[in-house]
PDB file of N, CA and C in Angstrom:
ATOM      1  N   MET A   1      65.564 264.318 126.543  1.00  0.00           N
ATOM      2  CA  MET A   1      66.133 262.976 126.532  1.00  0.00           C
ATOM      3  C   MET A   1      67.623 262.979 126.640  1.00  0.00           C
ATOM      4  N   ILE A   2      68.235 261.994 127.177  1.00  0.00           N
ATOM      5  CA  ILE A   2      69.608 261.949 127.287  1.00  0.00           C
ATOM      6  C   ILE A   2      70.111 260.614 126.819  1.00  0.00           C
ATOM      7  N   LEU A   3      71.067 260.468 125.942  1.00  0.00           N
ATOM      8  CA  LEU A   3      71.650 259.149 125.524  1.00  0.00           C
ATOM      9  C   LEU A   3      73.054 259.317 125.639  1.00  0.00           C
ATOM     10  N   LYS A   4      73.671 258.431 126.358  1.00  0.00           N
ATOM     11  CA  LYS A   4      75.110 258.455 126.676  1.00  0.00           C
ATOM     12  C   LYS A   4      75.642 257.088 126.820  1.00  0.00           C
ATOM     13  N   SER A   5      76.950 256.898 126.766  1.00  0.00           N
ATOM     14  CA  SER A   5      77.513 255.674 127.308  1.00  0.00           C
ATOM     15  C   SER A   5      77.978 255.877 128.698  1.00  0.00           C
ATOM     16  N   TYR A   6      78.072 254.871 129.564  1.00  0.00           N
ATOM     17  CA  TYR A   6      78.556 255.051 130.972  1.00  0.00           C
ATOM     18  C   TYR A   6      79.914 255.514 130.958  1.00  0.00           C
ATOM     19  N   LEU A   7      80.680 255.280 129.812  1.00  0.00           N
ATOM     20  CA  LEU A   7      82.095 255.705 129.782  1.00  0.00           C
ATOM     21  C   LEU A   7      82.139 257.294 129.636  1.00  0.00           C
ATOM     22  N   ASP A   8      81.048 257.949 129.218  1.00  0.00           N
ATOM     23  CA  ASP A   8      81.021 259.338 129.139  1.00  0.00           C
ATOM     24  C   ASP A   8      80.860 260.157 130.614  1.00  0.00           C
ATOM     25  N   VAL A   9      80.503 259.335 131.565  1.00  0.00           N
ATOM     26  CA  VAL A   9      80.233 259.823 132.938  1.00  0.00           C
ATOM     27  C   VAL A   9      81.564 259.619 133.835  1.00  0.00           C
ATOM     28  N   PRO A  10      81.947 260.674 134.463  1.00  0.00           N
ATOM     29  CA  PRO A  10      83.088 260.584 135.324  1.00  0.00           C
ATOM     30  C   PRO A  10      82.988 259.456 136.363  1.00  0.00           C
ATOM     31  N   GLU A  11      84.058 258.887 136.581  1.00  0.00           N
ATOM     32  CA  GLU A  11      84.153 257.767 137.677  1.00  0.00           C
ATOM     33  C   GLU A  11      84.844 258.424 138.888  1.00  0.00           C
ATOM     34  N   GLU A  12      84.268 258.087 140.080  1.00  0.00           N
ATOM     35  CA  GLU A  12      84.790 258.633 141.378  1.00  0.00           C
ATOM     36  C   GLU A  12      85.030 257.405 142.318  1.00  0.00           C
ATOM     37  N   ALA A  13      85.943 257.607 143.293  1.00  0.00           N
ATOM     38  CA  ALA A  13      86.096 256.703 144.284  1.00  0.00           C
ATOM     39  C   ALA A  13      84.945 256.895 145.273  1.00  0.00           C
ATOM     40  N   VAL A  14      84.375 255.761 145.811  1.00  0.00           N
ATOM     41  CA  VAL A  14      83.324 255.912 146.807  1.00  0.00           C
ATOM     42  C   VAL A  14      83.783 256.487 148.071  1.00  0.00           C
ATOM     43  N   ASP A  15      83.270 257.567 148.651  1.00  0.00           N
ATOM     44  CA  ASP A  15      83.686 258.080 149.873  1.00  0.00           C
ATOM     45  C   ASP A  15      82.745 257.737 151.075  1.00  0.00           C
ATOM     46  N   MET A  16      82.856 256.490 151.482  1.00  0.00           N
ATOM     47  CA  MET A  16      82.118 255.831 152.496  1.00  0.00           C
ATOM     48  C   MET A  16      83.028 255.134 153.506  1.00  0.00           C
ATOM     49  N   GLU A  17      82.919 255.423 154.693  1.00  0.00           N
ATOM     50  CA  GLU A  17      83.575 254.879 155.813  1.00  0.00           C
ATOM     51  C   GLU A  17      83.667 253.308 155.556  1.00  0.00           C
ATOM     52  N   GLY A  18      84.745 252.720 155.632  1.00  0.00           N
ATOM     53  CA  GLY A  18      84.802 251.118 155.483  1.00  0.00           C
ATOM     54  C   GLY A  18      84.666 250.637 154.091  1.00  0.00           C
ATOM     55  N   ALA A  19      84.448 251.510 153.017  1.00  0.00           N
ATOM     56  CA  ALA A  19      84.375 251.024 151.605  1.00  0.00           C
ATOM     57  C   ALA A  19      85.811 250.792 151.117  1.00  0.00           C
ATOM     58  N   ARG A  20      86.094 249.734 150.548  1.00  0.00           N
ATOM     59  CA  ARG A  20      87.474 249.447 149.921  1.00  0.00           C
ATOM     60  C   ARG A  20      87.364 249.130 148.409  1.00  0.00           C
ATOM     61  N   ASN A  21      88.115 249.843 147.639  1.00  0.00           N
ATOM     62  CA  ASN A  21      88.184 249.592 146.204  1.00  0.00           C
ATOM     63  C   ASN A  21      86.878 249.530 145.516  1.00  0.00           C
ATOM     64  N   VAL A  22      86.090 250.738 145.620  1.00  0.00           N
ATOM     65  CA  VAL A  22      84.783 250.775 145.057  1.00  0.00           C
ATOM     66  C   VAL A  22      84.741 252.080 144.238  1.00  0.00           C
ATOM     67  N   ARG A  23      84.387 251.998 143.017  1.00  0.00           N
ATOM     68  CA  ARG A  23      84.126 253.234 142.049  1.00  0.00           C
ATOM     69  C   ARG A  23      82.765 253.424 141.759  1.00  0.00           C
ATOM     70  N   ILE A  24      82.231 254.608 141.569  1.00  0.00           N
ATOM     71  CA  ILE A  24      80.911 254.880 141.175  1.00  0.00           C
ATOM     72  C   ILE A  24      80.853 255.922 139.989  1.00  0.00           C
ATOM     73  N   ARG A  25      79.801 255.729 139.121  1.00  0.00           N
ATOM     74  CA  ARG A  25      79.493 256.798 138.151  1.00  0.00           C
ATOM     75  C   ARG A  25      78.020 256.991 138.313  1.00  0.00           C
ATOM     76  N   TRP A  26      77.611 258.283 138.411  1.00  0.00           N
ATOM     77  CA  TRP A  26      76.185 258.840 138.592  1.00  0.00           C
ATOM     78  C   TRP A  26      75.657 258.900 137.142  1.00  0.00           C
ATOM     79  N   LEU A  27      75.033 257.743 136.648  1.00  0.00           N
ATOM     80  CA  LEU A  27      74.426 257.775 135.323  1.00  0.00           C
ATOM     81  C   LEU A  27      73.287 258.747 135.186  1.00  0.00           C
ATOM     82  N   ILE A  28      72.390 258.791 136.095  1.00  0.00           N
ATOM     83  CA  ILE A  28      71.313 259.716 136.164  1.00  0.00           C
ATOM     84  C   ILE A  28      71.329 260.170 137.516  1.00  0.00           C
ATOM     85  N   GLY A  29      71.892 261.413 137.730  1.00  0.00           N
ATOM     86  CA  GLY A  29      71.988 262.080 139.002  1.00  0.00           C
ATOM     87  C   GLY A  29      70.933 262.959 139.404  1.00  0.00           C
ATOM     88  N   ASP A  30      71.159 263.534 140.544  1.00  0.00           N
ATOM     89  CA  ASP A  30      70.089 264.528 141.122  1.00  0.00           C
ATOM     90  C   ASP A  30      69.987 265.674 140.209  1.00  0.00           C
ATOM     91  N   ASP A  31      70.936 266.064 139.412  1.00  0.00           N
ATOM     92  CA  ASP A  31      70.893 267.208 138.492  1.00  0.00           C
ATOM     93  C   ASP A  31      70.027 266.850 137.213  1.00  0.00           C
ATOM     94  N   VAL A  32      69.673 265.611 136.999  1.00  0.00           N
ATOM     95  CA  VAL A  32      68.913 265.231 135.877  1.00  0.00           C
ATOM     96  C   VAL A  32      67.553 264.639 136.222  1.00  0.00           C
ATOM     97  N   GLY A  33      67.416 263.713 137.139  1.00  0.00           N
ATOM     98  CA  GLY A  33      66.463 262.942 137.569  1.00  0.00           C
ATOM     99  C   GLY A  33      65.424 263.797 138.372  1.00  0.00           C
ATOM    100  N   ILE A  34      64.098 263.377 138.240  1.00  0.00           N
ATOM    101  CA  ILE A  34      63.058 264.141 139.058  1.00  0.00           C
ATOM    102  C   ILE A  34      62.661 263.170 140.263  1.00  0.00           C
ATOM    103  N   ASN A  35      62.561 261.884 139.953  1.00  0.00           N
ATOM    104  CA  ASN A  35      62.045 260.947 140.951  1.00  0.00           C
ATOM    105  C   ASN A  35      63.185 260.046 141.416  1.00  0.00           C
ATOM    106  N   PHE A  36      64.032 259.589 140.544  1.00  0.00           N
ATOM    107  CA  PHE A  36      65.128 258.559 140.881  1.00  0.00           C
ATOM    108  C   PHE A  36      66.443 258.952 140.160  1.00  0.00           C
ATOM    109  N   ALA A  37      67.442 258.326 140.746  1.00  0.00           N
ATOM    110  CA  ALA A  37      68.844 258.487 140.314  1.00  0.00           C
ATOM    111  C   ALA A  37      69.382 256.937 140.102  1.00  0.00           C
ATOM    112  N   VAL A  38      70.266 256.794 139.136  1.00  0.00           N
ATOM    113  CA  VAL A  38      70.799 255.657 138.800  1.00  0.00           C
ATOM    114  C   VAL A  38      72.404 255.721 139.045  1.00  0.00           C
ATOM    115  N   ARG A  39      72.952 254.780 139.739  1.00  0.00           N
ATOM    116  CA  ARG A  39      74.376 254.726 139.958  1.00  0.00           C
ATOM    117  C   ARG A  39      74.910 253.498 139.518  1.00  0.00           C
ATOM    118  N   ARG A  40      76.179 253.481 139.008  1.00  0.00           N
ATOM    119  CA  ARG A  40      76.774 252.293 138.481  1.00  0.00           C
ATOM    120  C   ARG A  40      78.019 252.069 139.326  1.00  0.00           C
ATOM    121  N   TYR A  41      78.134 250.994 140.103  1.00  0.00           N
ATOM    122  CA  TYR A  41      79.131 250.699 140.963  1.00  0.00           C
ATOM    123  C   TYR A  41      80.157 249.628 140.403  1.00  0.00           C
ATOM    124  N   GLU A  42      81.419 249.818 140.704  1.00  0.00           N
ATOM    125  CA  GLU A  42      82.346 248.732 140.360  1.00  0.00           C
ATOM    126  C   GLU A  42      82.983 248.457 141.707  1.00  0.00           C
ATOM    127  N   VAL A  43      82.651 247.230 142.192  1.00  0.00           N
ATOM    128  CA  VAL A  43      83.174 246.869 143.475  1.00  0.00           C
ATOM    129  C   VAL A  43      84.341 245.888 143.449  1.00  0.00           C
ATOM    130  N   GLY A  44      85.533 246.305 143.616  1.00  0.00           N
ATOM    131  CA  GLY A  44      86.638 245.507 143.557  1.00  0.00           C
ATOM    132  C   GLY A  44      86.900 244.837 144.892  1.00  0.00           C
ATOM    133  N   GLY A  45      86.399 245.632 145.960  1.00  0.00           N
ATOM    134  CA  GLY A  45      86.689 245.068 147.327  1.00  0.00           C
ATOM    135  C   GLY A  45      85.375 244.939 147.984  1.00  0.00           C
ATOM    136  N   ARG A  46      84.877 245.902 148.781  1.00  0.00           N
ATOM    137  CA  ARG A  46      83.673 245.795 149.491  1.00  0.00           C
ATOM    138  C   ARG A  46      82.983 247.074 149.914  1.00  0.00           C
ATOM    139  N   ILE A  47      81.755 247.096 150.003  1.00  0.00           N
ATOM    140  CA  ILE A  47      80.995 248.127 150.576  1.00  0.00           C
ATOM    141  C   ILE A  47      80.407 247.662 151.919  1.00  0.00           C
ATOM    142  N   PRO A  48      80.775 248.247 152.962  1.00  0.00           N
ATOM    143  CA  PRO A  48      80.296 247.719 154.352  1.00  0.00           C
ATOM    144  C   PRO A  48      78.801 247.651 154.529  1.00  0.00           C
ATOM    145  N   VAL A  49      78.413 246.949 155.466  1.00  0.00           N
ATOM    146  CA  VAL A  49      77.018 246.774 155.868  1.00  0.00           C
ATOM    147  C   VAL A  49      76.531 248.095 156.387  1.00  0.00           C
ATOM    148  N   HIS A  50      75.429 248.682 155.805  1.00  0.00           N
ATOM    149  CA  HIS A  50      74.809 249.980 156.102  1.00  0.00           C
ATOM    150  C   HIS A  50      73.343 249.934 155.966  1.00  0.00           C
ATOM    151  N   VAL A  51      72.665 250.970 156.431  1.00  0.00           N
ATOM    152  CA  VAL A  51      71.263 251.096 156.138  1.00  0.00           C
ATOM    153  C   VAL A  51      71.018 252.595 155.671  1.00  0.00           C
ATOM    154  N   HIS A  52      69.846 252.741 154.880  1.00  0.00           N
ATOM    155  CA  HIS A  52      69.219 254.017 154.552  1.00  0.00           C
ATOM    156  C   HIS A  52      67.869 254.126 154.882  1.00  0.00           C
ATOM    157  N   SER A  53      67.279 255.252 154.947  1.00  0.00           N
ATOM    158  CA  SER A  53      65.875 255.429 155.288  1.00  0.00           C
ATOM    159  C   SER A  53      65.002 255.354 154.080  1.00  0.00           C
ATOM    160  N   HIS A  54      65.542 254.951 152.868  1.00  0.00           N
ATOM    161  CA  HIS A  54      64.854 254.913 151.623  1.00  0.00           C
ATOM    162  C   HIS A  54      64.981 253.529 150.984  1.00  0.00           C
ATOM    163  N   GLU A  55      64.179 253.190 150.161  1.00  0.00           N
ATOM    164  CA  GLU A  55      64.216 251.988 149.453  1.00  0.00           C
ATOM    165  C   GLU A  55      65.046 252.144 148.192  1.00  0.00           C
ATOM    166  N   HIS A  56      65.623 250.931 147.721  1.00  0.00           N
ATOM    167  CA  HIS A  56      66.253 251.070 146.467  1.00  0.00           C
ATOM    168  C   HIS A  56      66.377 249.688 145.830  1.00  0.00           C
ATOM    169  N   GLY A  57      66.617 249.802 144.393  1.00  0.00           N
ATOM    170  CA  GLY A  57      66.787 248.467 143.754  1.00  0.00           C
ATOM    171  C   GLY A  57      68.199 248.437 143.188  1.00  0.00           C
ATOM    172  N   ILE A  58      68.615 247.129 143.081  1.00  0.00           N
ATOM    173  CA  ILE A  58      70.007 246.774 142.505  1.00  0.00           C
ATOM    174  C   ILE A  58      69.871 245.723 141.480  1.00  0.00           C
ATOM    175  N   TYR A  59      70.705 245.923 140.448  1.00  0.00           N
ATOM    176  CA  TYR A  59      70.698 244.984 139.260  1.00  0.00           C
ATOM    177  C   TYR A  59      72.203 244.632 139.132  1.00  0.00           C
ATOM    178  N   VAL A  60      72.411 243.226 139.081  1.00  0.00           N
ATOM    179  CA  VAL A  60      73.909 242.833 138.950  1.00  0.00           C
ATOM    180  C   VAL A  60      74.195 242.622 137.476  1.00  0.00           C
ATOM    181  N   LEU A  61      75.134 243.445 136.887  1.00  0.00           N
ATOM    182  CA  LEU A  61      75.567 243.599 135.582  1.00  0.00           C
ATOM    183  C   LEU A  61      76.599 242.470 135.218  1.00  0.00           C
ATOM    184  N   SER A  62      77.564 242.303 136.073  1.00  0.00           N
ATOM    185  CA  SER A  62      78.726 241.394 135.848  1.00  0.00           C
ATOM    186  C   SER A  62      79.579 241.191 137.208  1.00  0.00           C
ATOM    187  N   GLY A  63      80.352 240.229 136.996  1.00  0.00           N
ATOM    188  CA  GLY A  63      81.179 239.725 138.173  1.00  0.00           C
ATOM    189  C   GLY A  63      80.448 238.821 139.063  1.00  0.00           C
ATOM    190  N   SER A  64      81.005 238.456 140.219  1.00  0.00           N
ATOM    191  CA  SER A  64      80.443 237.626 141.259  1.00  0.00           C
ATOM    192  C   SER A  64      80.727 238.273 142.636  1.00  0.00           C
ATOM    193  N   GLY A  65      79.831 238.105 143.554  1.00  0.00           N
ATOM    194  CA  GLY A  65      79.969 238.674 144.887  1.00  0.00           C
ATOM    195  C   GLY A  65      79.037 238.131 145.875  1.00  0.00           C
ATOM    196  N   ARG A  66      78.906 238.824 146.884  1.00  0.00           N
ATOM    197  CA  ARG A  66      78.156 238.458 148.026  1.00  0.00           C
ATOM    198  C   ARG A  66      77.268 239.743 148.512  1.00  0.00           C
ATOM    199  N   LEU A  67      75.950 239.459 148.794  1.00  0.00           N
ATOM    200  CA  LEU A  67      75.192 240.431 149.515  1.00  0.00           C
ATOM    201  C   LEU A  67      75.365 240.054 150.926  1.00  0.00           C
ATOM    202  N   LEU A  68      75.705 241.143 151.733  1.00  0.00           N
ATOM    203  CA  LEU A  68      75.886 240.930 153.178  1.00  0.00           C
ATOM    204  C   LEU A  68      74.709 241.611 153.829  1.00  0.00           C
ATOM    205  N   GLY A  69      74.075 240.974 154.793  1.00  0.00           N
ATOM    206  CA  GLY A  69      72.954 241.334 155.506  1.00  0.00           C
ATOM    207  C   GLY A  69      72.602 240.679 156.669  1.00  0.00           C
ATOM    208  N   LYS A  70      71.358 241.006 157.183  1.00  0.00           N
ATOM    209  CA  LYS A  70      70.977 240.459 158.495  1.00  0.00           C
ATOM    210  C   LYS A  70      70.755 238.935 158.463  1.00  0.00           C
ATOM    211  N   ASP A  71      70.670 238.366 157.230  1.00  0.00           N
ATOM    212  CA  ASP A  71      70.485 236.917 157.104  1.00  0.00           C
ATOM    213  C   ASP A  71      71.878 236.226 156.619  1.00  0.00           C
ATOM    214  N   GLY A  72      72.884 236.904 156.866  1.00  0.00           N
ATOM    215  CA  GLY A  72      74.250 236.330 156.542  1.00  0.00           C
ATOM    216  C   GLY A  72      74.586 236.772 155.038  1.00  0.00           C
ATOM    217  N   ALA A  73      75.425 236.030 154.377  1.00  0.00           N
ATOM    218  CA  ALA A  73      75.900 236.378 153.061  1.00  0.00           C
ATOM    219  C   ALA A  73      75.168 235.484 151.916  1.00  0.00           C
ATOM    220  N   MET A  74      74.809 236.136 151.037  1.00  0.00           N
ATOM    221  CA  MET A  74      74.099 235.518 149.756  1.00  0.00           C
ATOM    222  C   MET A  74      74.897 235.775 148.467  1.00  0.00           C
ATOM    223  N   GLU A  75      74.949 234.642 147.633  1.00  0.00           N
ATOM    224  CA  GLU A  75      75.619 234.821 146.390  1.00  0.00           C
ATOM    225  C   GLU A  75      75.025 235.733 145.402  1.00  0.00           C
ATOM    226  N   LEU A  76      75.816 236.583 144.782  1.00  0.00           N
ATOM    227  CA  LEU A  76      75.275 237.483 143.706  1.00  0.00           C
ATOM    228  C   LEU A  76      75.958 237.123 142.390  1.00  0.00           C
ATOM    229  N   LYS A  77      75.302 237.073 141.323  1.00  0.00           N
ATOM    230  CA  LYS A  77      75.803 236.686 139.911  1.00  0.00           C
ATOM    231  C   LYS A  77      75.052 237.685 138.955  1.00  0.00           C
ATOM    232  N   PRO A  78      75.649 237.683 137.843  1.00  0.00           N
ATOM    233  CA  PRO A  78      75.057 238.613 136.723  1.00  0.00           C
ATOM    234  C   PRO A  78      73.461 238.191 136.592  1.00  0.00           C
ATOM    235  N   ASN A  79      72.607 239.340 136.348  1.00  0.00           N
ATOM    236  CA  ASN A  79      71.186 239.161 136.170  1.00  0.00           C
ATOM    237  C   ASN A  79      70.453 238.974 137.446  1.00  0.00           C
ATOM    238  N   HIS A  80      71.079 238.917 138.576  1.00  0.00           N
ATOM    239  CA  HIS A  80      70.312 238.922 139.907  1.00  0.00           C
ATOM    240  C   HIS A  80      69.867 240.384 140.092  1.00  0.00           C
ATOM    241  N   PHE A  81      68.883 240.467 140.744  1.00  0.00           N
ATOM    242  CA  PHE A  81      68.208 241.842 141.115  1.00  0.00           C
ATOM    243  C   PHE A  81      67.806 241.734 142.577  1.00  0.00           C
ATOM    244  N   LEU A  82      67.785 242.834 143.160  1.00  0.00           N
ATOM    245  CA  LEU A  82      67.372 242.990 144.644  1.00  0.00           C
ATOM    246  C   LEU A  82      66.452 244.103 144.834  1.00  0.00           C
ATOM    247  N   PHE A  83      65.589 244.075 145.701  1.00  0.00           N
ATOM    248  CA  PHE A  83      64.788 245.105 146.284  1.00  0.00           C
ATOM    249  C   PHE A  83      65.156 245.246 147.728  1.00  0.00           C
ATOM    250  N   ILE A  84      65.677 246.412 148.134  1.00  0.00           N
ATOM    251  CA  ILE A  84      66.105 246.639 149.497  1.00  0.00           C
ATOM    252  C   ILE A  84      65.164 247.683 150.102  1.00  0.00           C
ATOM    253  N   PRO A  85      64.302 247.213 151.072  1.00  0.00           N
ATOM    254  CA  PRO A  85      63.432 248.248 151.700  1.00  0.00           C
ATOM    255  C   PRO A  85      64.130 249.176 152.560  1.00  0.00           C
ATOM    256  N   PRO A  86      63.454 250.190 152.979  1.00  0.00           N
ATOM    257  CA  PRO A  86      64.032 251.137 153.933  1.00  0.00           C
ATOM    258  C   PRO A  86      64.530 250.434 155.261  1.00  0.00           C
ATOM    259  N   ASN A  87      65.705 250.871 155.683  1.00  0.00           N
ATOM    260  CA  ASN A  87      66.279 250.504 156.984  1.00  0.00           C
ATOM    261  C   ASN A  87      66.697 248.961 156.987  1.00  0.00           C
ATOM    262  N   GLU A  88      66.881 248.289 155.817  1.00  0.00           N
ATOM    263  CA  GLU A  88      67.309 246.979 155.702  1.00  0.00           C
ATOM    264  C   GLU A  88      68.862 246.974 155.549  1.00  0.00           C
ATOM    265  N   PRO A  89      69.504 246.267 156.702  1.00  0.00           N
ATOM    266  CA  PRO A  89      71.054 246.226 156.518  1.00  0.00           C
ATOM    267  C   PRO A  89      71.473 245.437 155.350  1.00  0.00           C
ATOM    268  N   HIS A  90      72.491 245.980 154.585  1.00  0.00           N
ATOM    269  CA  HIS A  90      72.992 245.401 153.384  1.00  0.00           C
ATOM    270  C   HIS A  90      74.395 246.058 153.177  1.00  0.00           C
ATOM    271  N   GLY A  91      75.158 245.130 152.376  1.00  0.00           N
ATOM    272  CA  GLY A  91      76.512 245.559 151.992  1.00  0.00           C
ATOM    273  C   GLY A  91      76.831 244.630 150.777  1.00  0.00           C
ATOM    274  N   PHE A  92      78.021 244.841 150.264  1.00  0.00           N
ATOM    275  CA  PHE A  92      78.401 244.078 148.992  1.00  0.00           C
ATOM    276  C   PHE A  92      79.890 243.750 149.130  1.00  0.00           C
ATOM    277  N   GLU A  93      80.194 242.511 148.641  1.00  0.00           N
ATOM    278  CA  GLU A  93      81.670 242.141 148.563  1.00  0.00           C
ATOM    279  C   GLU A  93      81.869 241.414 147.367  1.00  0.00           C
ATOM    280  N   ASN A  94      82.946 241.740 146.712  1.00  0.00           N
ATOM    281  CA  ASN A  94      83.417 241.109 145.540  1.00  0.00           C
ATOM    282  C   ASN A  94      84.187 239.802 145.898  1.00  0.00           C
ATOM    283  N   VAL A  95      83.940 238.797 145.253  1.00  0.00           N
ATOM    284  CA  VAL A  95      84.502 237.418 145.444  1.00  0.00           C
ATOM    285  C   VAL A  95      85.352 236.942 144.259  1.00  0.00           C
ATOM    286  N   GLY A  96      85.240 237.672 143.098  1.00  0.00           N
ATOM    287  CA  GLY A  96      85.849 237.211 141.845  1.00  0.00           C
ATOM    288  C   GLY A  96      87.060 237.945 141.458  1.00  0.00           C
ATOM    289  N   GLU A  97      87.611 237.550 140.300  1.00  0.00           N
ATOM    290  CA  GLU A  97      88.859 238.200 139.718  1.00  0.00           C
ATOM    291  C   GLU A  97      88.407 239.534 139.248  1.00  0.00           C
ATOM    292  N   GLU A  98      87.324 239.635 138.571  1.00  0.00           N
ATOM    293  CA  GLU A  98      86.897 240.939 138.070  1.00  0.00           C
ATOM    294  C   GLU A  98      85.998 241.681 138.916  1.00  0.00           C
ATOM    295  N   SER A  99      85.693 243.009 138.731  1.00  0.00           N
ATOM    296  CA  SER A  99      84.893 243.720 139.793  1.00  0.00           C
ATOM    297  C   SER A  99      83.505 243.201 139.521  1.00  0.00           C
ATOM    298  N   LEU A 100      82.746 243.312 140.719  1.00  0.00           N
ATOM    299  CA  LEU A 100      81.392 243.067 140.818  1.00  0.00           C
ATOM    300  C   LEU A 100      80.708 244.367 140.372  1.00  0.00           C
ATOM    301  N   VAL A 101      79.967 244.471 139.269  1.00  0.00           N
ATOM    302  CA  VAL A 101      79.355 245.618 138.616  1.00  0.00           C
ATOM    303  C   VAL A 101      77.835 245.655 138.880  1.00  0.00           C
ATOM    304  N   ILE A 102      77.378 246.698 139.573  1.00  0.00           N
ATOM    305  CA  ILE A 102      75.988 246.655 139.875  1.00  0.00           C
ATOM    306  C   ILE A 102      75.343 248.097 139.566  1.00  0.00           C
ATOM    307  N   LEU A 103      74.053 248.137 139.168  1.00  0.00           N
ATOM    308  CA  LEU A 103      73.352 249.295 139.030  1.00  0.00           C
ATOM    309  C   LEU A 103      72.510 249.428 140.320  1.00  0.00           C
ATOM    310  N   CYS A 104      72.437 250.686 140.812  1.00  0.00           N
ATOM    311  CA  CYS A 104      71.633 251.012 142.010  1.00  0.00           C
ATOM    312  C   CYS A 104      70.610 252.158 141.595  1.00  0.00           C
ATOM    313  N   ILE A 105      69.324 251.904 141.833  1.00  0.00           N
ATOM    314  CA  ILE A 105      68.404 252.963 141.540  1.00  0.00           C
ATOM    315  C   ILE A 105      67.750 253.317 142.865  1.00  0.00           C
ATOM    316  N   VAL A 106      67.970 254.610 143.045  1.00  0.00           N
ATOM    317  CA  VAL A 106      67.413 255.223 144.426  1.00  0.00           C
ATOM    318  C   VAL A 106      66.545 256.455 144.090  1.00  0.00           C
ATOM    319  N   PRO A 107      65.747 256.767 145.065  1.00  0.00           N
ATOM    320  CA  PRO A 107      64.914 257.980 145.013  1.00  0.00           C
ATOM    321  C   PRO A 107      65.851 259.293 145.028  1.00  0.00           C
ATOM    322  N   ILE A 108      65.468 260.312 144.408  1.00  0.00           N
ATOM    323  CA  ILE A 108      66.142 261.530 144.421  1.00  0.00           C
ATOM    324  C   ILE A 108      66.149 262.036 146.007  1.00  0.00           C
ATOM    325  N   LYS A 109      65.013 262.012 146.594  1.00  0.00           N
ATOM    326  CA  LYS A 109      64.921 262.466 147.950  1.00  0.00           C
ATOM    327  C   LYS A 109      65.379 261.157 148.853  1.00  0.00           C
ATOM    328  N   ARG A 110      66.561 261.217 149.350  1.00  0.00           N
ATOM    329  CA  ARG A 110      67.061 260.145 150.057  1.00  0.00           C
ATOM    330  C   ARG A 110      67.408 260.572 151.504  1.00  0.00           C
ATOM    331  N   GLY A 111      67.429 259.538 152.368  1.00  0.00           N
ATOM    332  CA  GLY A 111      67.821 259.800 153.755  1.00  0.00           C
ATOM    333  C   GLY A 111      69.354 259.492 153.926  1.00  0.00           C
ATOM    334  N   ALA A 112      69.745 259.681 155.078  1.00  0.00           N
ATOM    335  CA  ALA A 112      71.161 259.626 155.403  1.00  0.00           C
ATOM    336  C   ALA A 112      71.533 258.027 155.358  1.00  0.00           C
ATOM    337  N   THR A 113      72.829 257.830 155.216  1.00  0.00           N
ATOM    338  CA  THR A 113      73.428 256.512 155.285  1.00  0.00           C
ATOM    339  C   THR A 113      74.087 256.258 156.668  1.00  0.00           C
ATOM    340  N   LYS A 114      73.763 255.138 157.319  1.00  0.00           N
ATOM    341  CA  LYS A 114      74.341 254.828 158.546  1.00  0.00           C
ATOM    342  C   LYS A 114      75.124 253.499 158.446  1.00  0.00           C
ATOM    343  N   ILE A 115      76.467 253.557 158.704  1.00  0.00           N
ATOM    344  CA  ILE A 115      77.353 252.308 158.646  1.00  0.00           C
ATOM    345  C   ILE A 115      77.058 251.523 159.906  1.00  0.00           C
ATOM    346  N   LEU A 116      76.887 250.227 159.626  1.00  0.00           N
ATOM    347  CA  LEU A 116      76.671 249.437 160.859  1.00  0.00           C
ATOM    348  C   LEU A 116      77.927 248.515 161.247  1.00  0.00           C
ATOM    349  N   GLU A 117      78.891 248.453 160.415  1.00  0.00           N
ATOM    350  CA  GLU A 117      80.057 247.723 160.735  1.00  0.00           C
ATOM    351  C   GLU A 117      81.149 248.623 161.509  1.00  0.00           C
TER     352      GLU A 117
END
């Protein structure tokens, strides 16, 4: 069992083409998880619209933003959650003064990411 604060996990800049002002912490990474990984993102700018071949879940912790996808932009607020099926275009954009903070749960065995913008 592991019990930590998210502050105990190193924060890194997101290295994705088109991402602006986005930080990540791998709370449960490939080195620990067997079936899934948990990432904590702080989106001060945006994550471009992209797709993956795997499904994942998102939970909004704080801030305000927009989900960008094939149906346009949808508002994101704390306590919203999303299920994103495989190959569904999606991206995130902060619209508030503070960072949009989200948790992302993904399978350990993931496919590649393809940027659509």
